[in-house]
Each structure stands twice: as C-alpha cells, then as structure tokens.
mmCIF file of all heavy atoms, coordinates in Angstrom:
data_MODEL
# 
_entry.id   MODEL 
# 
loop_
_atom_site.group_PDB 
_atom_site.id 
_atom_site.type_symbol 
_atom_site.label_atom_id 
_atom_site.label_alt_id 
_atom_site.label_comp_id 
_atom_site.label_asym_id 
_atom_site.label_entity_id 
_atom_site.label_seq_id 
_atom_site.pdbx_PDB_ins_code 
_atom_site.Cartn_x 
_atom_site.Cartn_y 
_atom_site.Cartn_z 
_atom_site.occupancy 
_atom_site.B_iso_or_equiv 
_atom_site.pdbx_formal_charge 
_atom_site.auth_seq_id 
_atom_site.auth_comp_id 
_atom_site.auth_asym_id 
_atom_site.auth_atom_id 
_atom_site.pdbx_PDB_model_num 
ATOM 1   N N   . HIS A 1 1  ? 0.816  -1.218 0.000   1.00 0.00 ? 1  HIS A N   1 
ATOM 2   C CA  . HIS A 1 1  ? 0.000  0.000  0.000   1.00 0.00 ? 1  HIS A CA  1 
ATOM 3   C C   . HIS A 1 1  ? 0.852  1.272  0.000   1.00 0.00 ? 1  HIS A C   1 
ATOM 4   O O   . HIS A 1 1  ? 0.515  2.268  0.643   1.00 0.00 ? 1  HIS A O   1 
ATOM 5   C CB  . HIS A 1 1  ? -0.941 0.007  1.212   1.00 0.00 ? 1  HIS A CB  1 
ATOM 6   C CG  . HIS A 1 1  ? -1.784 -1.223 1.312   1.00 0.00 ? 1  HIS A CG  1 
ATOM 7   N ND1 . HIS A 1 1  ? -2.857 -1.470 0.477   1.00 0.00 ? 1  HIS A ND1 1 
ATOM 8   C CD2 . HIS A 1 1  ? -1.687 -2.305 2.140   1.00 0.00 ? 1  HIS A CD2 1 
ATOM 9   C CE1 . HIS A 1 1  ? -3.394 -2.641 0.793   1.00 0.00 ? 1  HIS A CE1 1 
ATOM 10  N NE2 . HIS A 1 1  ? -2.700 -3.172 1.792   1.00 0.00 ? 1  HIS A NE2 1 
ATOM 11  N N   . LEU A 1 2  ? 1.979  1.211  -0.716  1.00 0.00 ? 2  LEU A N   1 
ATOM 12  C CA  . LEU A 1 2  ? 2.847  2.371  -0.858  1.00 0.00 ? 2  LEU A CA  1 
ATOM 13  C C   . LEU A 1 2  ? 2.837  2.741  -2.338  1.00 0.00 ? 2  LEU A C   1 
ATOM 14  O O   . LEU A 1 2  ? 3.556  2.172  -3.146  1.00 0.00 ? 2  LEU A O   1 
ATOM 15  C CB  . LEU A 1 2  ? 4.270  2.026  -0.408  1.00 0.00 ? 2  LEU A CB  1 
ATOM 16  C CG  . LEU A 1 2  ? 5.280  3.171  -0.363  1.00 0.00 ? 2  LEU A CG  1 
ATOM 17  C CD1 . LEU A 1 2  ? 4.905  4.181  0.709   1.00 0.00 ? 2  LEU A CD1 1 
ATOM 18  C CD2 . LEU A 1 2  ? 6.680  2.632  -0.094  1.00 0.00 ? 2  LEU A CD2 1 
ATOM 19  N N   . TYR A 1 3  ? 2.018  3.700  -2.677  1.00 0.00 ? 3  TYR A N   1 
ATOM 20  C CA  . TYR A 1 3  ? 1.755  3.975  -4.082  1.00 0.00 ? 3  TYR A CA  1 
ATOM 21  C C   . TYR A 1 3  ? 2.769  4.967  -4.644  1.00 0.00 ? 3  TYR A C   1 
ATOM 22  O O   . TYR A 1 3  ? 3.076  5.987  -4.024  1.00 0.00 ? 3  TYR A O   1 
ATOM 23  C CB  . TYR A 1 3  ? 0.330  4.492  -4.257  1.00 0.00 ? 3  TYR A CB  1 
ATOM 24  C CG  . TYR A 1 3  ? -0.686 3.501  -3.752  1.00 0.00 ? 3  TYR A CG  1 
ATOM 25  C CD1 . TYR A 1 3  ? -1.332 3.687  -2.531  1.00 0.00 ? 3  TYR A CD1 1 
ATOM 26  C CD2 . TYR A 1 3  ? -0.949 2.341  -4.474  1.00 0.00 ? 3  TYR A CD2 1 
ATOM 27  C CE1 . TYR A 1 3  ? -2.239 2.747  -2.058  1.00 0.00 ? 3  TYR A CE1 1 
ATOM 28  C CE2 . TYR A 1 3  ? -1.863 1.401  -4.010  1.00 0.00 ? 3  TYR A CE2 1 
ATOM 29  C CZ  . TYR A 1 3  ? -2.496 1.611  -2.797  1.00 0.00 ? 3  TYR A CZ  1 
ATOM 30  O OH  . TYR A 1 3  ? -3.384 0.673  -2.321  1.00 0.00 ? 3  TYR A OH  1 
ATOM 31  N N   . LEU A 1 4  ? 3.285  4.651  -5.824  1.00 0.00 ? 4  LEU A N   1 
ATOM 32  C CA  . LEU A 1 4  ? 4.316  5.454  -6.460  1.00 0.00 ? 4  LEU A CA  1 
ATOM 33  C C   . LEU A 1 4  ? 3.711  6.668  -7.160  1.00 0.00 ? 4  LEU A C   1 
ATOM 34  O O   . LEU A 1 4  ? 2.635  6.587  -7.748  1.00 0.00 ? 4  LEU A O   1 
ATOM 35  C CB  . LEU A 1 4  ? 5.079  4.614  -7.485  1.00 0.00 ? 4  LEU A CB  1 
ATOM 36  C CG  . LEU A 1 4  ? 5.927  3.462  -6.949  1.00 0.00 ? 4  LEU A CG  1 
ATOM 37  C CD1 . LEU A 1 4  ? 6.482  2.654  -8.125  1.00 0.00 ? 4  LEU A CD1 1 
ATOM 38  C CD2 . LEU A 1 4  ? 7.068  3.974  -6.093  1.00 0.00 ? 4  LEU A CD2 1 
ATOM 39  N N   . ASN A 1 5  ? 4.437  7.781  -7.088  1.00 0.00 ? 5  ASN A N   1 
ATOM 40  C CA  . ASN A 1 5  ? 4.098  8.950  -7.887  1.00 0.00 ? 5  ASN A CA  1 
ATOM 41  C C   . ASN A 1 5  ? 4.875  8.823  -9.195  1.00 0.00 ? 5  ASN A C   1 
ATOM 42  O O   . ASN A 1 5  ? 6.067  9.121  -9.263  1.00 0.00 ? 5  ASN A O   1 
ATOM 43  C CB  . ASN A 1 5  ? 4.489  10.229 -7.146  1.00 0.00 ? 5  ASN A CB  1 
ATOM 44  C CG  . ASN A 1 5  ? 4.045  11.477 -7.899  1.00 0.00 ? 5  ASN A CG  1 
ATOM 45  O OD1 . ASN A 1 5  ? 3.666  11.418 -9.067  1.00 0.00 ? 5  ASN A OD1 1 
ATOM 46  N ND2 . ASN A 1 5  ? 4.104  12.609 -7.234  1.00 0.00 ? 5  ASN A ND2 1 
ATOM 47  N N   . ILE A 1 6  ? 4.205  8.360  -10.226 1.00 0.00 ? 6  ILE A N   1 
ATOM 48  C CA  . ILE A 1 6  ? 4.875  8.051  -11.487 1.00 0.00 ? 6  ILE A CA  1 
ATOM 49  C C   . ILE A 1 6  ? 5.532  9.294  -12.089 1.00 0.00 ? 6  ILE A C   1 
ATOM 50  O O   . ILE A 1 6  ? 6.587  9.214  -12.719 1.00 0.00 ? 6  ILE A O   1 
ATOM 51  C CB  . ILE A 1 6  ? 3.881  7.427  -12.488 1.00 0.00 ? 6  ILE A CB  1 
ATOM 52  C CG1 . ILE A 1 6  ? 3.314  6.127  -11.902 1.00 0.00 ? 6  ILE A CG1 1 
ATOM 53  C CG2 . ILE A 1 6  ? 4.538  7.149  -13.827 1.00 0.00 ? 6  ILE A CG2 1 
ATOM 54  C CD1 . ILE A 1 6  ? 2.287  5.446  -12.772 1.00 0.00 ? 6  ILE A CD1 1 
ATOM 55  N N   . LEU A 1 7  ? 4.942  10.470 -11.848 1.00 0.00 ? 7  LEU A N   1 
ATOM 56  C CA  . LEU A 1 7  ? 5.512  11.698 -12.391 1.00 0.00 ? 7  LEU A CA  1 
ATOM 57  C C   . LEU A 1 7  ? 6.859  12.030 -11.759 1.00 0.00 ? 7  LEU A C   1 
ATOM 58  O O   . LEU A 1 7  ? 7.658  12.779 -12.332 1.00 0.00 ? 7  LEU A O   1 
ATOM 59  C CB  . LEU A 1 7  ? 4.538  12.864 -12.192 1.00 0.00 ? 7  LEU A CB  1 
ATOM 60  C CG  . LEU A 1 7  ? 3.196  12.751 -12.928 1.00 0.00 ? 7  LEU A CG  1 
ATOM 61  C CD1 . LEU A 1 7  ? 2.317  13.950 -12.614 1.00 0.00 ? 7  LEU A CD1 1 
ATOM 62  C CD2 . LEU A 1 7  ? 3.411  12.620 -14.435 1.00 0.00 ? 7  LEU A CD2 1 
ATOM 63  N N   . GLU A 1 8  ? 7.104  11.485 -10.562 1.00 0.00 ? 8  GLU A N   1 
ATOM 64  C CA  . GLU A 1 8  ? 8.385  11.729 -9.879  1.00 0.00 ? 8  GLU A CA  1 
ATOM 65  C C   . GLU A 1 8  ? 9.430  10.669 -10.217 1.00 0.00 ? 8  GLU A C   1 
ATOM 66  O O   . GLU A 1 8  ? 10.577 10.775 -9.786  1.00 0.00 ? 8  GLU A O   1 
ATOM 67  C CB  . GLU A 1 8  ? 8.173  11.769 -8.363  1.00 0.00 ? 8  GLU A CB  1 
ATOM 68  C CG  . GLU A 1 8  ? 7.344  12.938 -7.872  1.00 0.00 ? 8  GLU A CG  1 
ATOM 69  C CD  . GLU A 1 8  ? 8.042  14.275 -8.082  1.00 0.00 ? 8  GLU A CD  1 
ATOM 70  O OE1 . GLU A 1 8  ? 9.290  14.307 -8.014  1.00 0.00 ? 8  GLU A OE1 1 
ATOM 71  O OE2 . GLU A 1 8  ? 7.351  15.270 -8.356  1.00 0.00 ? 8  GLU A OE2 1 
ATOM 72  N N   . CYS A 1 9  ? 9.038  9.647  -10.961 1.00 0.00 ? 9  CYS A N   1 
ATOM 73  C CA  . CYS A 1 9  ? 9.981  8.597  -11.359 1.00 0.00 ? 9  CYS A CA  1 
ATOM 74  C C   . CYS A 1 9  ? 10.552 8.940  -12.737 1.00 0.00 ? 9  CYS A C   1 
ATOM 75  O O   . CYS A 1 9  ? 9.808  9.321  -13.633 1.00 0.00 ? 9  CYS A O   1 
ATOM 76  C CB  . CYS A 1 9  ? 9.278  7.242  -11.418 1.00 0.00 ? 9  CYS A CB  1 
ATOM 77  S SG  . CYS A 1 9  ? 8.551  6.713  -9.843  1.00 0.00 ? 9  CYS A SG  1 
ATOM 78  N N   . ASN A 1 10 ? 11.849 8.818  -12.888 1.00 0.00 ? 10 ASN A N   1 
ATOM 79  C CA  . ASN A 1 10 ? 12.458 9.168  -14.167 1.00 0.00 ? 10 ASN A CA  1 
ATOM 80  C C   . ASN A 1 10 ? 13.682 8.311  -14.440 1.00 0.00 ? 10 ASN A C   1 
ATOM 81  O O   . ASN A 1 10 ? 14.162 7.588  -13.568 1.00 0.00 ? 10 ASN A O   1 
ATOM 82  C CB  . ASN A 1 10 ? 12.820 10.659 -14.213 1.00 0.00 ? 10 ASN A CB  1 
ATOM 83  C CG  . ASN A 1 10 ? 13.660 11.073 -13.022 1.00 0.00 ? 10 ASN A CG  1 
ATOM 84  O OD1 . ASN A 1 10 ? 14.842 10.750 -12.950 1.00 0.00 ? 10 ASN A OD1 1 
ATOM 85  N ND2 . ASN A 1 10 ? 13.050 11.779 -12.071 1.00 0.00 ? 10 ASN A ND2 1 
ATOM 86  N N   . VAL A 1 11 ? 14.164 8.398  -15.671 1.00 0.00 ? 11 VAL A N   1 
ATOM 87  C CA  . VAL A 1 11 ? 15.310 7.602  -16.137 1.00 0.00 ? 11 VAL A CA  1 
ATOM 88  C C   . VAL A 1 11 ? 16.376 8.554  -16.670 1.00 0.00 ? 11 VAL A C   1 
ATOM 89  O O   . VAL A 1 11 ? 16.058 9.570  -17.303 1.00 0.00 ? 11 VAL A O   1 
ATOM 90  C CB  . VAL A 1 11 ? 14.889 6.623  -17.252 1.00 0.00 ? 11 VAL A CB  1 
ATOM 91  C CG1 . VAL A 1 11 ? 16.078 5.801  -17.715 1.00 0.00 ? 11 VAL A CG1 1 
ATOM 92  C CG2 . VAL A 1 11 ? 13.761 5.725  -16.784 1.00 0.00 ? 11 VAL A CG2 1 
ATOM 93  N N   . ILE A 1 12 ? 17.632 8.234  -16.407 1.00 0.00 ? 12 ILE A N   1 
ATOM 94  C CA  . ILE A 1 12 ? 18.730 9.014  -16.958 1.00 0.00 ? 12 ILE A CA  1 
ATOM 95  C C   . ILE A 1 12 ? 19.861 8.057  -17.336 1.00 0.00 ? 12 ILE A C   1 
ATOM 96  O O   . ILE A 1 12 ? 20.082 7.049  -16.657 1.00 0.00 ? 12 ILE A O   1 
ATOM 97  C CB  . ILE A 1 12 ? 19.235 10.083 -15.955 1.00 0.00 ? 12 ILE A CB  1 
ATOM 98  C CG1 . ILE A 1 12 ? 20.316 10.956 -16.605 1.00 0.00 ? 12 ILE A CG1 1 
ATOM 99  C CG2 . ILE A 1 12 ? 19.757 9.449  -14.683 1.00 0.00 ? 12 ILE A CG2 1 
ATOM 100 C CD1 . ILE A 1 12 ? 20.690 12.185 -15.791 1.00 0.00 ? 12 ILE A CD1 1 
ATOM 101 N N   . THR A 1 13 ? 20.529 8.351  -18.435 1.00 0.00 ? 13 THR A N   1 
ATOM 102 C CA  . THR A 1 13 ? 21.649 7.535  -18.901 1.00 0.00 ? 13 THR A CA  1 
ATOM 103 C C   . THR A 1 13 ? 22.933 8.352  -18.789 1.00 0.00 ? 13 THR A C   1 
ATOM 104 O O   . THR A 1 13 ? 22.997 9.464  -19.316 1.00 0.00 ? 13 THR A O   1 
ATOM 105 C CB  . THR A 1 13 ? 21.452 7.108  -20.369 1.00 0.00 ? 13 THR A CB  1 
ATOM 106 O OG1 . THR A 1 13 ? 20.265 6.332  -20.470 1.00 0.00 ? 13 THR A OG1 1 
ATOM 107 C CG2 . THR A 1 13 ? 22.633 6.279  -20.850 1.00 0.00 ? 13 THR A CG2 1 
ATOM 108 N N   . PHE A 1 14 ? 23.910 7.812  -18.083 1.00 0.00 ? 14 PHE A N   1 
ATOM 109 C CA  . PHE A 1 14 ? 25.204 8.481  -17.953 1.00 0.00 ? 14 PHE A CA  1 
ATOM 110 C C   . PHE A 1 14 ? 26.185 7.854  -18.937 1.00 0.00 ? 14 PHE A C   1 
ATOM 111 O O   . PHE A 1 14 ? 26.477 6.662  -18.858 1.00 0.00 ? 14 PHE A O   1 
ATOM 112 C CB  . PHE A 1 14 ? 25.751 8.340  -16.525 1.00 0.00 ? 14 PHE A CB  1 
ATOM 113 C CG  . PHE A 1 14 ? 24.924 9.055  -15.500 1.00 0.00 ? 14 PHE A CG  1 
ATOM 114 C CD1 . PHE A 1 14 ? 24.153 8.354  -14.596 1.00 0.00 ? 14 PHE A CD1 1 
ATOM 115 C CD2 . PHE A 1 14 ? 24.917 10.436 -15.436 1.00 0.00 ? 14 PHE A CD2 1 
ATOM 116 C CE1 . PHE A 1 14 ? 23.390 9.003  -13.645 1.00 0.00 ? 14 PHE A CE1 1 
ATOM 117 C CE2 . PHE A 1 14 ? 24.157 11.118 -14.492 1.00 0.00 ? 14 PHE A CE2 1 
ATOM 118 C CZ  . PHE A 1 14 ? 23.394 10.389 -13.598 1.00 0.00 ? 14 PHE A CZ  1 
ATOM 119 N N   . THR A 1 15 ? 26.667 8.653  -19.853 1.00 0.00 ? 15 THR A N   1 
ATOM 120 C CA  . THR A 1 15 ? 27.630 8.167  -20.839 1.00 0.00 ? 15 THR A CA  1 
ATOM 121 C C   . THR A 1 15 ? 28.289 9.353  -21.531 1.00 0.00 ? 15 THR A C   1 
ATOM 122 O O   . THR A 1 15 ? 27.723 10.457 -21.577 1.00 0.00 ? 15 THR A O   1 
ATOM 123 C CB  . THR A 1 15 ? 26.946 7.281  -21.896 1.00 0.00 ? 15 THR A CB  1 
ATOM 124 O OG1 . THR A 1 15 ? 27.916 6.812  -22.814 1.00 0.00 ? 15 THR A OG1 1 
ATOM 125 C CG2 . THR A 1 15 ? 25.866 8.049  -22.633 1.00 0.00 ? 15 THR A CG2 1 
ATOM 126 N N   . LYS A 1 16 ? 29.476 9.113  -22.063 1.00 0.00 ? 16 LYS A N   1 
ATOM 127 C CA  . LYS A 1 16 ? 30.163 10.128 -22.863 1.00 0.00 ? 16 LYS A CA  1 
ATOM 128 C C   . LYS A 1 16 ? 30.162 9.761  -24.346 1.00 0.00 ? 16 LYS A C   1 
ATOM 129 O O   . LYS A 1 16 ? 30.771 10.444 -25.158 1.00 0.00 ? 16 LYS A O   1 
ATOM 130 C CB  . LYS A 1 16 ? 31.592 10.321 -22.358 1.00 0.00 ? 16 LYS A CB  1 
ATOM 131 C CG  . LYS A 1 16 ? 31.658 10.967 -20.976 1.00 0.00 ? 16 LYS A CG  1 
ATOM 132 C CD  . LYS A 1 16 ? 33.076 11.325 -20.572 1.00 0.00 ? 16 LYS A CD  1 
ATOM 133 C CE  . LYS A 1 16 ? 33.078 12.059 -19.236 1.00 0.00 ? 16 LYS A CE  1 
ATOM 134 N NZ  . LYS A 1 16 ? 34.457 12.450 -18.823 1.00 0.00 ? 16 LYS A NZ  1 
ATOM 135 N N   . LYS A 1 17 ? 29.450 8.674  -24.667 1.00 0.00 ? 17 LYS A N   1 
ATOM 136 C CA  . LYS A 1 17 ? 29.339 8.263  -26.059 1.00 0.00 ? 17 LYS A CA  1 
ATOM 137 C C   . LYS A 1 17 ? 28.277 9.093  -26.777 1.00 0.00 ? 17 LYS A C   1 
ATOM 138 O O   . LYS A 1 17 ? 27.283 9.503  -26.181 1.00 0.00 ? 17 LYS A O   1 
ATOM 139 C CB  . LYS A 1 17 ? 28.972 6.780  -26.141 1.00 0.00 ? 17 LYS A CB  1 
ATOM 140 C CG  . LYS A 1 17 ? 30.025 5.841  -25.559 1.00 0.00 ? 17 LYS A CG  1 
ATOM 141 C CD  . LYS A 1 17 ? 29.572 4.393  -25.678 1.00 0.00 ? 17 LYS A CD  1 
ATOM 142 C CE  . LYS A 1 17 ? 30.612 3.445  -25.113 1.00 0.00 ? 17 LYS A CE  1 
ATOM 143 N NZ  . LYS A 1 17 ? 30.177 2.019  -25.199 1.00 0.00 ? 17 LYS A NZ  1 
ATOM 144 N N   . LYS A 1 18 ? 28.469 9.308  -28.070 1.00 0.00 ? 18 LYS A N   1 
ATOM 145 C CA  . LYS A 1 18 ? 27.490 10.047 -28.865 1.00 0.00 ? 18 LYS A CA  1 
ATOM 146 C C   . LYS A 1 18 ? 26.290 9.177  -29.224 1.00 0.00 ? 18 LYS A C   1 
ATOM 147 O O   . LYS A 1 18 ? 25.168 9.658  -29.340 1.00 0.00 ? 18 LYS A O   1 
ATOM 148 C CB  . LYS A 1 18 ? 28.148 10.590 -30.134 1.00 0.00 ? 18 LYS A CB  1 
ATOM 149 C CG  . LYS A 1 18 ? 29.186 11.676 -29.861 1.00 0.00 ? 18 LYS A CG  1 
ATOM 150 C CD  . LYS A 1 18 ? 29.744 12.252 -31.157 1.00 0.00 ? 18 LYS A CD  1 
ATOM 151 C CE  . LYS A 1 18 ? 30.735 13.367 -30.872 1.00 0.00 ? 18 LYS A CE  1 
ATOM 152 N NZ  . LYS A 1 18 ? 31.306 13.956 -32.116 1.00 0.00 ? 18 LYS A NZ  1 
ATOM 153 N N   . THR A 1 19 ? 26.521 7.888  -29.411 1.00 0.00 ? 19 THR A N   1 
ATOM 154 C CA  . THR A 1 19 ? 25.435 6.953  -29.686 1.00 0.00 ? 19 THR A CA  1 
ATOM 155 C C   . THR A 1 19 ? 25.434 5.874  -28.617 1.00 0.00 ? 19 THR A C   1 
ATOM 156 O O   . THR A 1 19 ? 26.485 5.298  -28.307 1.00 0.00 ? 19 THR A O   1 
ATOM 157 C CB  . THR A 1 19 ? 25.602 6.306  -31.076 1.00 0.00 ? 19 THR A CB  1 
ATOM 158 O OG1 . THR A 1 19 ? 26.857 5.636  -31.149 1.00 0.00 ? 19 THR A OG1 1 
ATOM 159 C CG2 . THR A 1 19 ? 25.527 7.367  -32.156 1.00 0.00 ? 19 THR A CG2 1 
ATOM 160 N N   . PHE A 1 20 ? 24.277 5.607  -28.057 1.00 0.00 ? 20 PHE A N   1 
ATOM 161 C CA  . PHE A 1 20 ? 24.175 4.603  -26.994 1.00 0.00 ? 20 PHE A CA  1 
ATOM 162 C C   . PHE A 1 20 ? 22.756 4.047  -26.972 1.00 0.00 ? 20 PHE A C   1 
ATOM 163 O O   . PHE A 1 20 ? 21.829 4.609  -27.574 1.00 0.00 ? 20 PHE A O   1 
ATOM 164 C CB  . PHE A 1 20 ? 24.525 5.214  -25.637 1.00 0.00 ? 20 PHE A CB  1 
ATOM 165 C CG  . PHE A 1 20 ? 23.761 6.470  -25.311 1.00 0.00 ? 20 PHE A CG  1 
ATOM 166 C CD1 . PHE A 1 20 ? 22.545 6.414  -24.664 1.00 0.00 ? 20 PHE A CD1 1 
ATOM 167 C CD2 . PHE A 1 20 ? 24.268 7.724  -25.671 1.00 0.00 ? 20 PHE A CD2 1 
ATOM 168 C CE1 . PHE A 1 20 ? 21.840 7.561  -24.363 1.00 0.00 ? 20 PHE A CE1 1 
ATOM 169 C CE2 . PHE A 1 20 ? 23.562 8.868  -25.391 1.00 0.00 ? 20 PHE A CE2 1 
ATOM 170 C CZ  . PHE A 1 20 ? 22.351 8.796  -24.731 1.00 0.00 ? 20 PHE A CZ  1 
ATOM 171 N N   . ILE A 1 21 ? 22.600 2.938  -26.294 1.00 0.00 ? 21 ILE A N   1 
ATOM 172 C CA  . ILE A 1 21 ? 21.299 2.258  -26.201 1.00 0.00 ? 21 ILE A CA  1 
ATOM 173 C C   . ILE A 1 21 ? 20.439 2.963  -25.150 1.00 0.00 ? 21 ILE A C   1 
ATOM 174 O O   . ILE A 1 21 ? 20.882 3.201  -24.024 1.00 0.00 ? 21 ILE A O   1 
ATOM 175 C CB  . ILE A 1 21 ? 21.488 0.783  -25.824 1.00 0.00 ? 21 ILE A CB  1 
ATOM 176 C CG1 . ILE A 1 21 ? 22.313 0.058  -26.887 1.00 0.00 ? 21 ILE A CG1 1 
ATOM 177 C CG2 . ILE A 1 21 ? 20.129 0.093  -25.637 1.00 0.00 ? 21 ILE A CG2 1 
ATOM 178 C CD1 . ILE A 1 21 ? 22.661 -1.371 -26.527 1.00 0.00 ? 21 ILE A CD1 1 
ATOM 179 N N   . THR A 1 22 ? 19.228 3.296  -25.513 1.00 0.00 ? 22 THR A N   1 
ATOM 180 C CA  . THR A 1 22 ? 18.286 3.888  -24.560 1.00 0.00 ? 22 THR A CA  1 
ATOM 181 C C   . THR A 1 22 ? 17.160 2.894  -24.284 1.00 0.00 ? 22 THR A C   1 
ATOM 182 O O   . THR A 1 22 ? 16.673 2.228  -25.195 1.00 0.00 ? 22 THR A O   1 
ATOM 183 C CB  . THR A 1 22 ? 17.693 5.196  -25.108 1.00 0.00 ? 22 THR A CB  1 
ATOM 184 O OG1 . THR A 1 22 ? 17.047 4.927  -26.359 1.00 0.00 ? 22 THR A OG1 1 
ATOM 185 C CG2 . THR A 1 22 ? 18.780 6.241  -25.312 1.00 0.00 ? 22 THR A CG2 1 
ATOM 186 N N   . CYS A 1 23 ? 16.774 2.838  -23.034 1.00 0.00 ? 23 CYS A N   1 
ATOM 187 C CA  . CYS A 1 23 ? 15.704 1.919  -22.624 1.00 0.00 ? 23 CYS A CA  1 
ATOM 188 C C   . CYS A 1 23 ? 14.444 2.719  -22.302 1.00 0.00 ? 23 CYS A C   1 
ATOM 189 O O   . CYS A 1 23 ? 14.499 3.651  -21.486 1.00 0.00 ? 23 CYS A O   1 
ATOM 190 C CB  . CYS A 1 23 ? 16.126 1.111  -21.394 1.00 0.00 ? 23 CYS A CB  1 
ATOM 191 S SG  . CYS A 1 23 ? 17.607 0.124  -21.627 1.00 0.00 ? 23 CYS A SG  1 
ATOM 192 N N   . ASP A 1 24 ? 13.344 2.366  -22.904 1.00 0.00 ? 24 ASP A N   1 
ATOM 193 C CA  . ASP A 1 24 ? 12.059 2.953  -22.553 1.00 0.00 ? 24 ASP A CA  1 
ATOM 194 C C   . ASP A 1 24 ? 11.454 2.139  -21.420 1.00 0.00 ? 24 ASP A C   1 
ATOM 195 O O   . ASP A 1 24 ? 11.096 0.970  -21.594 1.00 0.00 ? 24 ASP A O   1 
ATOM 196 C CB  . ASP A 1 24 ? 11.116 2.958  -23.758 1.00 0.00 ? 24 ASP A CB  1 
ATOM 197 C CG  . ASP A 1 24 ? 11.557 3.948  -24.824 1.00 0.00 ? 24 ASP A CG  1 
ATOM 198 O OD1 . ASP A 1 24 ? 12.200 4.944  -24.457 1.00 0.00 ? 24 ASP A OD1 1 
ATOM 199 O OD2 . ASP A 1 24 ? 11.272 3.712  -26.006 1.00 0.00 ? 24 ASP A OD2 1 
ATOM 200 N N   . CYS A 1 25 ? 11.366 2.760  -20.248 1.00 0.00 ? 25 CYS A N   1 
ATOM 201 C CA  . CYS A 1 25 ? 10.873 2.059  -19.051 1.00 0.00 ? 25 CYS A CA  1 
ATOM 202 C C   . CYS A 1 25 ? 9.444  2.493  -18.746 1.00 0.00 ? 25 CYS A C   1 
ATOM 203 O O   . CYS A 1 25 ? 9.068  3.651  -18.987 1.00 0.00 ? 25 CYS A O   1 
ATOM 204 C CB  . CYS A 1 25 ? 11.793 2.342  -17.868 1.00 0.00 ? 25 CYS A CB  1 
ATOM 205 S SG  . CYS A 1 25 ? 13.510 1.821  -18.145 1.00 0.00 ? 25 CYS A SG  1 
ATOM 206 N N   . TYR A 1 26 ? 8.671  1.560  -18.194 1.00 0.00 ? 26 TYR A N   1 
ATOM 207 C CA  . TYR A 1 26 ? 7.244  1.799  -17.972 1.00 0.00 ? 26 TYR A CA  1 
ATOM 208 C C   . TYR A 1 26 ? 6.841  1.458  -16.545 1.00 0.00 ? 26 TYR A C   1 
ATOM 209 O O   . TYR A 1 26 ? 7.415  0.574  -15.906 1.00 0.00 ? 26 TYR A O   1 
ATOM 210 C CB  . TYR A 1 26 ? 6.399  0.950  -18.930 1.00 0.00 ? 26 TYR A CB  1 
ATOM 211 C CG  . TYR A 1 26 ? 6.636  1.236  -20.394 1.00 0.00 ? 26 TYR A CG  1 
ATOM 212 C CD1 . TYR A 1 26 ? 7.681  0.626  -21.079 1.00 0.00 ? 26 TYR A CD1 1 
ATOM 213 C CD2 . TYR A 1 26 ? 5.791  2.111  -21.092 1.00 0.00 ? 26 TYR A CD2 1 
ATOM 214 C CE1 . TYR A 1 26 ? 7.892  0.880  -22.428 1.00 0.00 ? 26 TYR A CE1 1 
ATOM 215 C CE2 . TYR A 1 26 ? 5.999  2.370  -22.440 1.00 0.00 ? 26 TYR A CE2 1 
ATOM 216 C CZ  . TYR A 1 26 ? 7.045  1.750  -23.096 1.00 0.00 ? 26 TYR A CZ  1 
ATOM 217 O OH  . TYR A 1 26 ? 7.248  2.007  -24.424 1.00 0.00 ? 26 TYR A OH  1 
# 
C-alpha cells in the first residue's frame, strides 16, 4: 500500500558516447 508517484519517477543515462542504447521504461 505504498503507491508510487509516477511523475516523480524518471530515467537518466550516464555516458560520454554520442550513440548509446536507450531503454524505454514503464
């Protein structure tokens, strides 16, 4: 019964590469 605030959840990728794999999380 601990409900997530989806708007406060986010994804970030740390890299110095110009092209990299991005994951769409749900």
